[in-house]
């Protein structure tokens, strides 16, 4: 794997963590629509990182879901529960963004948040250890520009 790919994977995993933190803040304020969106994107970023490990990506959300199922869920590398959660989050995010007058149950949103938090924590640590134990490259963001430090 090229160093640039490792950097991009690390970036996507960082975005996943950040989106989950944002979801937690929004949830605490009762902003359920925005929480649903941030939970979905946390999952999307993590899945994008997984796909890049396989040298795969897609410009469409549906393509990311299909590749994720094909390469990670259907092969048993990740539990089917993760595939179901990702599909459910995608559907909820679609509802939130494109359906009028939709209401979300706070308990249901909290349950999705907790599930994704546990799964991301479990797999993110494993991936970071595997991918970056020998990588000596850091990303530095300064004044909205990304620099690679070797």
C-alpha atoms as a PDB file:
ATOM      1  CA  UNK A   1       0.000   0.000   0.000  1.00  0.00           C
ATOM      2  CA  UNK A   2       1.308   3.420  -0.956  1.00  0.00           C
ATOM      3  CA  UNK A   3       1.969   5.967   1.803  1.00  0.00           C
ATOM      4  CA  UNK A   4      -0.610   8.289   0.224  1.00  0.00           C
ATOM      5  CA  UNK A   5      -3.271   5.601   0.530  1.00  0.00           C
ATOM      6  CA  UNK A   6      -2.409   5.103   4.192  1.00  0.00           C
ATOM      7  CA  UNK A   7      -2.760   8.831   4.733  1.00  0.00           C
ATOM      8  CA  UNK A   8      -6.160   8.883   3.049  1.00  0.00           C
ATOM      9  CA  UNK A   9      -7.342   5.911   5.110  1.00  0.00           C
ATOM     10  CA  UNK A  10      -6.194   7.646   8.273  1.00  0.00           C
ATOM     11  CA  UNK A  11      -8.024  10.794   7.152  1.00  0.00           C
ATOM     12  CA  UNK A  12     -11.303   8.903   6.545  1.00  0.00           C
ATOM     13  CA  UNK A  13     -11.034   7.218   9.947  1.00  0.00           C
ATOM     14  CA  UNK A  14     -10.440  10.615  11.535  1.00  0.00           C
ATOM     15  CA  UNK A  15     -13.524  12.016   9.762  1.00  0.00           C
ATOM     16  CA  UNK A  16     -15.535   9.061  11.041  1.00  0.00           C
ATOM     17  CA  UNK A  17     -14.504   9.824  14.633  1.00  0.00           C
ATOM     18  CA  UNK A  18     -15.179  13.523  14.204  1.00  0.00           C
ATOM     19  CA  UNK A  19     -18.640  12.887  12.741  1.00  0.00           C
ATOM     20  CA  UNK A  20     -19.476  10.602  15.640  1.00  0.00           C
ATOM     21  CA  UNK A  21     -18.421  13.299  18.121  1.00  0.00           C
ATOM     22  CA  UNK A  22     -20.606  15.807  16.266  1.00  0.00           C
ATOM     23  CA  UNK A  23     -23.514  13.357  16.405  1.00  0.00           C
ATOM     24  CA  UNK A  24     -23.068  13.055  20.166  1.00  0.00           C
ATOM     25  CA  UNK A  25     -23.236  16.835  20.594  1.00  0.00           C
ATOM     26  CA  UNK A  26     -26.278  17.148  18.350  1.00  0.00           C
ATOM     27  CA  UNK A  27     -28.015  14.279  20.117  1.00  0.00           C
ATOM     28  CA  UNK A  28     -27.464  15.917  23.490  1.00  0.00           C
ATOM     29  CA  UNK A  29     -29.257  19.013  22.157  1.00  0.00           C
ATOM     30  CA  UNK A  30     -32.131  16.974  20.722  1.00  0.00           C
ATOM     31  CA  UNK A  31     -31.325  17.742  17.078  1.00  0.00           C
ATOM     32  CA  UNK A  32     -32.354  14.335  15.769  1.00  0.00           C
ATOM     33  CA  UNK A  33     -32.312  15.045  12.021  1.00  0.00           C
ATOM     34  CA  UNK A  34     -28.769  16.370  12.131  1.00  0.00           C
ATOM     35  CA  UNK A  35     -27.744  13.559  14.478  1.00  0.00           C
ATOM     36  CA  UNK A  36     -28.995  10.971  11.990  1.00  0.00           C
ATOM     37  CA  UNK A  37     -26.991  12.627   9.231  1.00  0.00           C
ATOM     38  CA  UNK A  38     -23.771  12.727  11.269  1.00  0.00           C
ATOM     39  CA  UNK A  39     -24.186   9.093  12.392  1.00  0.00           C
ATOM     40  CA  UNK A  40     -24.624   8.049   8.780  1.00  0.00           C
ATOM     41  CA  UNK A  41     -21.573   9.997   7.657  1.00  0.00           C
ATOM     42  CA  UNK A  42     -19.469   8.529  10.461  1.00  0.00           C
ATOM     43  CA  UNK A  43     -20.338   5.109   9.075  1.00  0.00           C
ATOM     44  CA  UNK A  44     -19.818   6.229   5.465  1.00  0.00           C
ATOM     45  CA  UNK A  45     -16.319   7.573   6.196  1.00  0.00           C
ATOM     46  CA  UNK A  46     -15.319   4.408   8.044  1.00  0.00           C
ATOM     47  CA  UNK A  47     -16.619   2.225   5.214  1.00  0.00           C
ATOM     48  CA  UNK A  48     -14.784   4.402   2.662  1.00  0.00           C
ATOM     49  CA  UNK A  49     -11.558   3.725   4.583  1.00  0.00           C
ATOM     50  CA  UNK A  50     -12.245  -0.020   4.523  1.00  0.00           C
ATOM     51  CA  UNK A  51     -12.842   0.046   0.787  1.00  0.00           C
ATOM     52  CA  UNK A  52      -9.621   1.934   0.175  1.00  0.00           C
ATOM     53  CA  UNK A  53      -7.744  -0.815   2.004  1.00  0.00           C
ATOM     54  CA  UNK A  54      -8.978  -3.086  -0.782  1.00  0.00           C
ATOM     55  CA  UNK A  55      -8.044  -0.535  -3.435  1.00  0.00           C
ATOM     56  CA  UNK A  56     -11.730   0.206  -4.056  1.00  0.00           C
ATOM     57  CA  UNK A  57     -13.889   3.321  -3.945  1.00  0.00           C
ATOM     58  CA  UNK A  58     -17.074   4.678  -5.426  1.00  0.00           C
ATOM     59  CA  UNK A  59     -18.336   8.153  -6.178  1.00  0.00           C
ATOM     60  CA  UNK A  60     -21.896   7.136  -5.246  1.00  0.00           C
ATOM     61  CA  UNK A  61     -23.254   6.250  -1.819  1.00  0.00           C
ATOM     62  CA  UNK A  62     -25.075   3.245  -3.267  1.00  0.00           C
ATOM     63  CA  UNK A  63     -21.801   2.061  -4.812  1.00  0.00           C
ATOM     64  CA  UNK A  64     -20.009   2.338  -1.477  1.00  0.00           C
ATOM     65  CA  UNK A  65     -22.761   0.271   0.163  1.00  0.00           C
ATOM     66  CA  UNK A  66     -22.630  -2.391  -2.544  1.00  0.00           C
ATOM     67  CA  UNK A  67     -18.839  -2.707  -2.396  1.00  0.00           C
ATOM     68  CA  UNK A  68     -18.914  -2.808   1.402  1.00  0.00           C
ATOM     69  CA  UNK A  69     -21.385  -5.685   1.365  1.00  0.00           C
ATOM     70  CA  UNK A  70     -19.470  -7.513  -1.354  1.00  0.00           C
ATOM     71  CA  UNK A  71     -15.948  -7.161   0.108  1.00  0.00           C
ATOM     72  CA  UNK A  72     -16.490  -7.027   3.864  1.00  0.00           C
ATOM     73  CA  UNK A  73     -19.928  -8.232   4.976  1.00  0.00           C
ATOM     74  CA  UNK A  74     -20.685 -11.089   2.567  1.00  0.00           C
ATOM     75  CA  UNK A  75     -17.162 -12.471   3.035  1.00  0.00           C
ATOM     76  CA  UNK A  76     -17.610 -12.628   6.821  1.00  0.00           C
ATOM     77  CA  UNK A  77     -14.778 -10.174   7.506  1.00  0.00           C
ATOM     78  CA  UNK A  78     -17.286  -8.004   9.346  1.00  0.00           C
ATOM     79  CA  UNK A  79     -20.513  -9.111  11.013  1.00  0.00           C
ATOM     80  CA  UNK A  80     -23.758  -8.947   9.050  1.00  0.00           C
ATOM     81  CA  UNK A  81     -24.993  -6.625  11.802  1.00  0.00           C
ATOM     82  CA  UNK A  82     -22.623  -3.970  10.460  1.00  0.00           C
ATOM     83  CA  UNK A  83     -24.103  -4.264   6.972  1.00  0.00           C
ATOM     84  CA  UNK A  84     -27.637  -4.024   8.333  1.00  0.00           C
ATOM     85  CA  UNK A  85     -26.730  -0.984  10.446  1.00  0.00           C
ATOM     86  CA  UNK A  86     -25.135   0.776   7.476  1.00  0.00           C
ATOM     87  CA  UNK A  87     -28.209   0.178   5.289  1.00  0.00           C
ATOM     88  CA  UNK A  88     -30.500   1.358   8.079  1.00  0.00           C
ATOM     89  CA  UNK A  89     -28.471   4.523   8.623  1.00  0.00           C
ATOM     90  CA  UNK A  90     -28.491   5.225   4.895  1.00  0.00           C
ATOM     91  CA  UNK A  91     -32.282   4.908   4.797  1.00  0.00           C
ATOM     92  CA  UNK A  92     -32.717   7.145   7.847  1.00  0.00           C
ATOM     93  CA  UNK A  93     -30.389   9.774   6.397  1.00  0.00           C
ATOM     94  CA  UNK A  94     -32.360   9.687   3.133  1.00  0.00           C
ATOM     95  CA  UNK A  95     -35.590  10.158   5.075  1.00  0.00           C
ATOM     96  CA  UNK A  96     -34.098  12.997   7.075  1.00  0.00           C
ATOM     97  CA  UNK A  97     -32.868  14.840   4.000  1.00  0.00           C
ATOM     98  CA  UNK A  98     -35.605  14.134   1.478  1.00  0.00           C
ATOM     99  CA  UNK A  99     -38.880  13.294   3.258  1.00  0.00           C
ATOM    100  CA  UNK A 100     -41.178  16.012   4.520  1.00  0.00           C
ATOM    101  CA  UNK A 101     -42.458  15.963   8.094  1.00  0.00           C
ATOM    102  CA  UNK A 102     -40.398  12.955   9.139  1.00  0.00           C
ATOM    103  CA  UNK A 103     -39.954  12.481  12.874  1.00  0.00           C
ATOM    104  CA  UNK A 104     -37.372  10.304  14.543  1.00  0.00           C
ATOM    105  CA  UNK A 105     -37.708   8.517  17.832  1.00  0.00           C
ATOM    106  CA  UNK A 106     -34.972   9.742  20.187  1.00  0.00           C
ATOM    107  CA  UNK A 107     -34.541   6.263  21.661  1.00  0.00           C
ATOM    108  CA  UNK A 108     -34.062   4.738  18.233  1.00  0.00           C
ATOM    109  CA  UNK A 109     -31.503   7.380  17.237  1.00  0.00           C
ATOM    110  CA  UNK A 110     -29.619   6.844  20.509  1.00  0.00           C
ATOM    111  CA  UNK A 111     -29.589   3.102  19.887  1.00  0.00           C
ATOM    112  CA  UNK A 112     -28.085   3.590  16.412  1.00  0.00           C
ATOM    113  CA  UNK A 113     -25.518   5.987  17.860  1.00  0.00           C
ATOM    114  CA  UNK A 114     -24.455   3.533  20.570  1.00  0.00           C
ATOM    115  CA  UNK A 115     -24.236   0.616  18.136  1.00  0.00           C
ATOM    116  CA  UNK A 116     -22.103   2.525  15.683  1.00  0.00           C
ATOM    117  CA  UNK A 117     -19.898   3.906  18.473  1.00  0.00           C
ATOM    118  CA  UNK A 118     -19.116   0.414  19.721  1.00  0.00           C
ATOM    119  CA  UNK A 119     -18.463  -0.987  16.253  1.00  0.00           C
ATOM    120  CA  UNK A 120     -16.292   1.927  15.132  1.00  0.00           C
ATOM    121  CA  UNK A 121     -14.227   1.870  18.298  1.00  0.00           C
ATOM    122  CA  UNK A 122     -13.669  -1.865  17.996  1.00  0.00           C
ATOM    123  CA  UNK A 123     -12.670  -1.908  14.335  1.00  0.00           C
ATOM    124  CA  UNK A 124     -10.949   1.476  14.109  1.00  0.00           C
ATOM    125  CA  UNK A 125      -8.364   0.560  16.725  1.00  0.00           C
ATOM    126  CA  UNK A 126      -7.672  -2.732  14.998  1.00  0.00           C
ATOM    127  CA  UNK A 127      -7.288  -1.072  11.592  1.00  0.00           C
ATOM    128  CA  UNK A 128      -5.084   1.743  12.820  1.00  0.00           C
ATOM    129  CA  UNK A 129      -2.767  -0.693  14.536  1.00  0.00           C
ATOM    130  CA  UNK A 130      -2.505  -2.889  11.464  1.00  0.00           C
ATOM    131  CA  UNK A 131      -2.100  -0.076   8.957  1.00  0.00           C
ATOM    132  CA  UNK A 132       0.027   2.434  10.753  1.00  0.00           C
ATOM    133  CA  UNK A 133       2.369   0.589  13.100  1.00  0.00           C
ATOM    134  CA  UNK A 134       5.124   0.871  10.489  1.00  0.00           C
ATOM    135  CA  UNK A 135       4.011   4.101   8.839  1.00  0.00           C
ATOM    136  CA  UNK A 136       6.054   7.152   9.792  1.00  0.00           C
ATOM    137  CA  UNK A 137       4.012   9.756   7.942  1.00  0.00           C
ATOM    138  CA  UNK A 138       1.823  12.338   9.633  1.00  0.00           C
ATOM    139  CA  UNK A 139      -0.759  14.709   8.293  1.00  0.00           C
ATOM    140  CA  UNK A 140      -0.467  18.290   9.464  1.00  0.00           C
ATOM    141  CA  UNK A 141      -3.301  20.707   8.781  1.00  0.00           C
ATOM    142  CA  UNK A 142      -2.249  24.349   8.953  1.00  0.00           C
ATOM    143  CA  UNK A 143      -4.408  27.242   7.776  1.00  0.00           C
ATOM    144  CA  UNK A 144      -6.795  24.888   5.975  1.00  0.00           C
ATOM    145  CA  UNK A 145      -3.988  23.263   3.980  1.00  0.00           C
ATOM    146  CA  UNK A 146      -2.886  19.663   4.334  1.00  0.00           C
ATOM    147  CA  UNK A 147       0.840  18.938   4.622  1.00  0.00           C
ATOM    148  CA  UNK A 148       2.514  15.554   4.667  1.00  0.00           C
ATOM    149  CA  UNK A 149       5.318  15.234   7.196  1.00  0.00           C
ATOM    150  CA  UNK A 150       7.703  12.300   6.760  1.00  0.00           C
END
